Amino acid sequence: MNKINWKQKLSSRKFWAMATGVTVSLLVAFNVGEEVVTKVTGVLSSTSVLIVYILAETSVDKAREYNKPEPADEKKAGFN
């Protein structure tokens, strides 16, 4: 059985659209008030944007560190 890659799942806009859609559908199905549905939708949307941003910045920082040029060797730079 394969492990779920939660980092990849949580950084997916499709995942958050699905989670918001299912949650809102369930709230409507159980006759929850429109005000609550609106608040829950707002919280889920803002949380998903924050999570995706954090994971994207983490990936960018990791790539930047990986591609960082090595310091020049002192002898190659002309310092003896």
N, C-alpha and C. Protein backbone atom coordinates (compact mmCIF):
# COMPACT_ATOMS: atom_id res chain seq x y z
N MET A 1 0.84 -1.18 0.00
CA MET A 1 0.00 0.00 0.00
C MET A 1 0.89 1.25 0.00
N ASN A 2 0.60 2.17 -0.89
CA ASN A 2 1.41 3.40 -1.01
C ASN A 2 1.06 4.40 0.07
N LYS A 3 2.08 5.10 0.55
CA LYS A 3 1.84 6.16 1.52
C LYS A 3 1.33 7.40 0.80
N ILE A 4 0.50 8.16 1.48
CA ILE A 4 -0.02 9.40 0.91
C ILE A 4 1.01 10.50 1.12
N ASN A 5 1.30 11.22 0.06
CA ASN A 5 2.23 12.34 0.13
C ASN A 5 1.42 13.58 0.53
N TRP A 6 1.33 13.83 1.85
CA TRP A 6 0.49 14.90 2.36
C TRP A 6 0.98 16.28 1.93
N LYS A 7 2.28 16.45 1.80
CA LYS A 7 2.81 17.74 1.36
C LYS A 7 2.27 18.07 -0.03
N GLN A 8 2.29 17.09 -0.90
CA GLN A 8 1.79 17.29 -2.26
C GLN A 8 0.27 17.51 -2.25
N LYS A 9 -0.45 16.72 -1.46
CA LYS A 9 -1.91 16.87 -1.38
C LYS A 9 -2.30 18.25 -0.87
N LEU A 10 -1.66 18.68 0.23
CA LEU A 10 -2.04 19.95 0.84
C LEU A 10 -1.64 21.16 0.00
N SER A 11 -0.71 20.98 -0.91
CA SER A 11 -0.32 22.09 -1.77
C SER A 11 -1.11 22.12 -3.08
N SER A 12 -2.07 21.23 -3.22
CA SER A 12 -2.87 21.15 -4.44
C SER A 12 -4.13 22.02 -4.33
N ARG A 13 -4.30 22.93 -5.28
CA ARG A 13 -5.51 23.75 -5.31
C ARG A 13 -6.74 22.90 -5.56
N LYS A 14 -6.57 21.83 -6.34
CA LYS A 14 -7.70 20.93 -6.61
C LYS A 14 -8.18 20.27 -5.32
N PHE A 15 -7.24 19.88 -4.46
CA PHE A 15 -7.60 19.26 -3.18
C PHE A 15 -8.44 20.23 -2.34
N TRP A 16 -8.00 21.50 -2.25
CA TRP A 16 -8.71 22.47 -1.44
C TRP A 16 -10.06 22.82 -2.04
N ALA A 17 -10.15 22.86 -3.36
CA ALA A 17 -11.44 23.10 -4.00
C ALA A 17 -12.40 21.96 -3.68
N MET A 18 -11.90 20.73 -3.72
CA MET A 18 -12.71 19.56 -3.38
C MET A 18 -13.13 19.60 -1.91
N ALA A 19 -12.19 19.89 -1.00
CA ALA A 19 -12.49 19.92 0.43
C ALA A 19 -13.54 20.99 0.74
N THR A 20 -13.40 22.15 0.13
CA THR A 20 -14.37 23.23 0.34
C THR A 20 -15.73 22.85 -0.22
N GLY A 21 -15.74 22.27 -1.42
CA GLY A 21 -17.00 21.86 -2.05
C GLY A 21 -17.74 20.81 -1.25
N VAL A 22 -17.02 19.81 -0.77
CA VAL A 22 -17.65 18.75 0.03
C VAL A 22 -18.18 19.31 1.34
N THR A 23 -17.38 20.14 2.00
CA THR A 23 -17.80 20.72 3.28
C THR A 23 -19.04 21.59 3.12
N VAL A 24 -19.03 22.46 2.11
CA VAL A 24 -20.18 23.33 1.88
C VAL A 24 -21.41 22.50 1.52
N SER A 25 -21.23 21.48 0.70
CA SER A 25 -22.36 20.62 0.33
C SER A 25 -22.97 19.94 1.55
N LEU A 26 -22.12 19.46 2.45
CA LEU A 26 -22.62 18.82 3.68
C LEU A 26 -23.33 19.82 4.58
N LEU A 27 -22.80 21.02 4.69
CA LEU A 27 -23.45 22.04 5.51
C LEU A 27 -24.82 22.39 4.96
N VAL A 28 -24.92 22.52 3.65
CA VAL A 28 -26.21 22.82 3.02
C VAL A 28 -27.17 21.65 3.19
N ALA A 29 -26.68 20.42 3.04
CA ALA A 29 -27.52 19.23 3.17
C ALA A 29 -28.11 19.11 4.57
N PHE A 30 -27.38 19.56 5.57
CA PHE A 30 -27.86 19.48 6.94
C PHE A 30 -28.52 20.78 7.41
N ASN A 31 -28.92 21.62 6.44
CA ASN A 31 -29.66 22.86 6.70
C ASN A 31 -28.96 23.79 7.69
N VAL A 32 -27.66 23.90 7.57
CA VAL A 32 -26.92 24.85 8.38
C VAL A 32 -27.16 26.24 7.79
N GLY A 33 -27.20 27.23 8.64
CA GLY A 33 -27.51 28.58 8.19
C GLY A 33 -26.52 29.12 7.16
N GLU A 34 -27.03 30.01 6.33
CA GLU A 34 -26.21 30.58 5.25
C GLU A 34 -25.00 31.34 5.80
N GLU A 35 -25.19 31.99 6.93
CA GLU A 35 -24.09 32.74 7.53
C GLU A 35 -22.94 31.81 7.92
N VAL A 36 -23.26 30.67 8.49
CA VAL A 36 -22.23 29.69 8.89
C VAL A 36 -21.54 29.13 7.65
N VAL A 37 -22.31 28.82 6.62
CA VAL A 37 -21.73 28.29 5.39
C VAL A 37 -20.75 29.29 4.80
N THR A 38 -21.12 30.56 4.81
CA THR A 38 -20.25 31.61 4.27
C THR A 38 -18.96 31.71 5.08
N LYS A 39 -19.08 31.66 6.40
CA LYS A 39 -17.89 31.74 7.26
C LYS A 39 -16.97 30.55 7.07
N VAL A 40 -17.55 29.36 7.02
CA VAL A 40 -16.73 28.14 6.83
C VAL A 40 -16.03 28.19 5.48
N THR A 41 -16.73 28.62 4.44
CA THR A 41 -16.12 28.73 3.11
C THR A 41 -14.95 29.71 3.14
N GLY A 42 -15.12 30.84 3.81
CA GLY A 42 -14.05 31.82 3.93
C GLY A 42 -12.85 31.29 4.68
N VAL A 43 -13.09 30.59 5.78
CA VAL A 43 -11.99 30.02 6.56
C VAL A 43 -11.24 28.97 5.76
N LEU A 44 -11.96 28.08 5.10
CA LEU A 44 -11.30 27.04 4.29
C LEU A 44 -10.51 27.65 3.15
N SER A 45 -11.08 28.64 2.50
CA SER A 45 -10.38 29.27 1.37
C SER A 45 -9.11 29.98 1.82
N SER A 46 -9.19 30.75 2.89
CA SER A 46 -8.00 31.48 3.35
C SER A 46 -6.95 30.53 3.89
N THR A 47 -7.37 29.48 4.57
CA THR A 47 -6.42 28.49 5.09
C THR A 47 -5.71 27.78 3.95
N SER A 48 -6.45 27.43 2.91
CA SER A 48 -5.83 26.73 1.79
C SER A 48 -4.82 27.62 1.08
N VAL A 49 -5.13 28.89 0.92
CA VAL A 49 -4.19 29.82 0.29
C VAL A 49 -2.91 29.92 1.11
N LEU A 50 -3.05 30.01 2.42
CA LEU A 50 -1.89 30.11 3.31
C LEU A 50 -1.03 28.85 3.23
N ILE A 51 -1.64 27.69 3.27
CA ILE A 51 -0.88 26.43 3.22
C ILE A 51 -0.16 26.29 1.88
N VAL A 52 -0.85 26.58 0.79
CA VAL A 52 -0.22 26.47 -0.53
C VAL A 52 0.95 27.45 -0.63
N TYR A 53 0.79 28.67 -0.12
CA TYR A 53 1.87 29.66 -0.16
C TYR A 53 3.08 29.18 0.64
N ILE A 54 2.85 28.69 1.84
CA ILE A 54 3.96 28.23 2.68
C ILE A 54 4.70 27.08 2.01
N LEU A 55 3.98 26.11 1.48
CA LEU A 55 4.64 24.97 0.83
C LEU A 55 5.36 25.39 -0.45
N ALA A 56 4.79 26.33 -1.19
CA ALA A 56 5.46 26.81 -2.40
C ALA A 56 6.74 27.55 -2.05
N GLU A 57 6.70 28.40 -1.04
CA GLU A 57 7.91 29.12 -0.61
C GLU A 57 8.98 28.15 -0.09
N THR A 58 8.55 27.10 0.59
CA THR A 58 9.49 26.09 1.06
C THR A 58 10.20 25.44 -0.12
N SER A 59 9.45 25.11 -1.16
CA SER A 59 10.04 24.50 -2.35
C SER A 59 11.01 25.45 -3.04
N VAL A 60 10.63 26.71 -3.13
CA VAL A 60 11.50 27.71 -3.76
C VAL A 60 12.79 27.87 -2.96
N ASP A 61 12.68 27.96 -1.64
CA ASP A 61 13.86 28.10 -0.79
C ASP A 61 14.77 26.89 -0.90
N LYS A 62 14.16 25.70 -0.95
CA LYS A 62 14.95 24.48 -1.08
C LYS A 62 15.69 24.45 -2.41
N ALA A 63 15.01 24.83 -3.49
CA ALA A 63 15.64 24.86 -4.81
C ALA A 63 16.75 25.90 -4.86
N ARG A 64 16.52 27.05 -4.24
CA ARG A 64 17.53 28.11 -4.22
C ARG A 64 18.78 27.63 -3.48
N GLU A 65 18.59 26.95 -2.36
CA GLU A 65 19.73 26.44 -1.57
C GLU A 65 20.47 25.35 -2.34
N TYR A 66 19.73 24.50 -3.03
CA TYR A 66 20.33 23.41 -3.80
C TYR A 66 21.15 23.95 -4.97
N ASN A 67 20.67 25.01 -5.61
CA ASN A 67 21.34 25.57 -6.80
C ASN A 67 22.33 26.69 -6.46
N LYS A 68 22.55 26.91 -5.18
CA LYS A 68 23.46 27.96 -4.74
C LYS A 68 24.88 27.63 -5.20
N PRO A 69 25.56 28.59 -5.85
CA PRO A 69 26.93 28.31 -6.30
C PRO A 69 27.87 28.15 -5.10
N GLU A 70 28.83 27.28 -5.27
CA GLU A 70 29.81 27.05 -4.21
C GLU A 70 30.74 28.24 -4.14
N PRO A 71 31.24 28.58 -2.94
CA PRO A 71 32.19 29.69 -2.84
C PRO A 71 33.44 29.42 -3.67
N ALA A 72 33.94 30.48 -4.26
CA ALA A 72 35.13 30.33 -5.12
C ALA A 72 36.32 29.90 -4.28
N ASP A 73 37.10 29.01 -4.84
CA ASP A 73 38.32 28.56 -4.17
C ASP A 73 39.31 29.72 -4.16
N GLU A 74 39.93 29.98 -3.03
CA GLU A 74 40.83 31.13 -2.89
C GLU A 74 41.96 31.10 -3.92
N LYS A 75 42.51 29.93 -4.21
CA LYS A 75 43.61 29.85 -5.19
C LYS A 75 43.12 30.19 -6.58
N LYS A 76 41.91 29.75 -6.91
CA LYS A 76 41.36 30.05 -8.23
C LYS A 76 41.07 31.54 -8.38
N ALA A 77 40.74 32.19 -7.27
CA ALA A 77 40.40 33.60 -7.31
C ALA A 77 41.65 34.49 -7.33
N GLY A 78 42.83 33.90 -7.24
CA GLY A 78 44.04 34.67 -7.31
C GLY A 78 44.65 35.02 -5.95
N PHE A 79 44.10 34.46 -4.90
CA PHE A 79 44.64 34.70 -3.56
C PHE A 79 45.57 33.57 -3.18
N ASN A 80 46.82 33.84 -2.93
CA ASN A 80 47.78 32.80 -2.57
C ASN A 80 48.31 32.99 -1.20
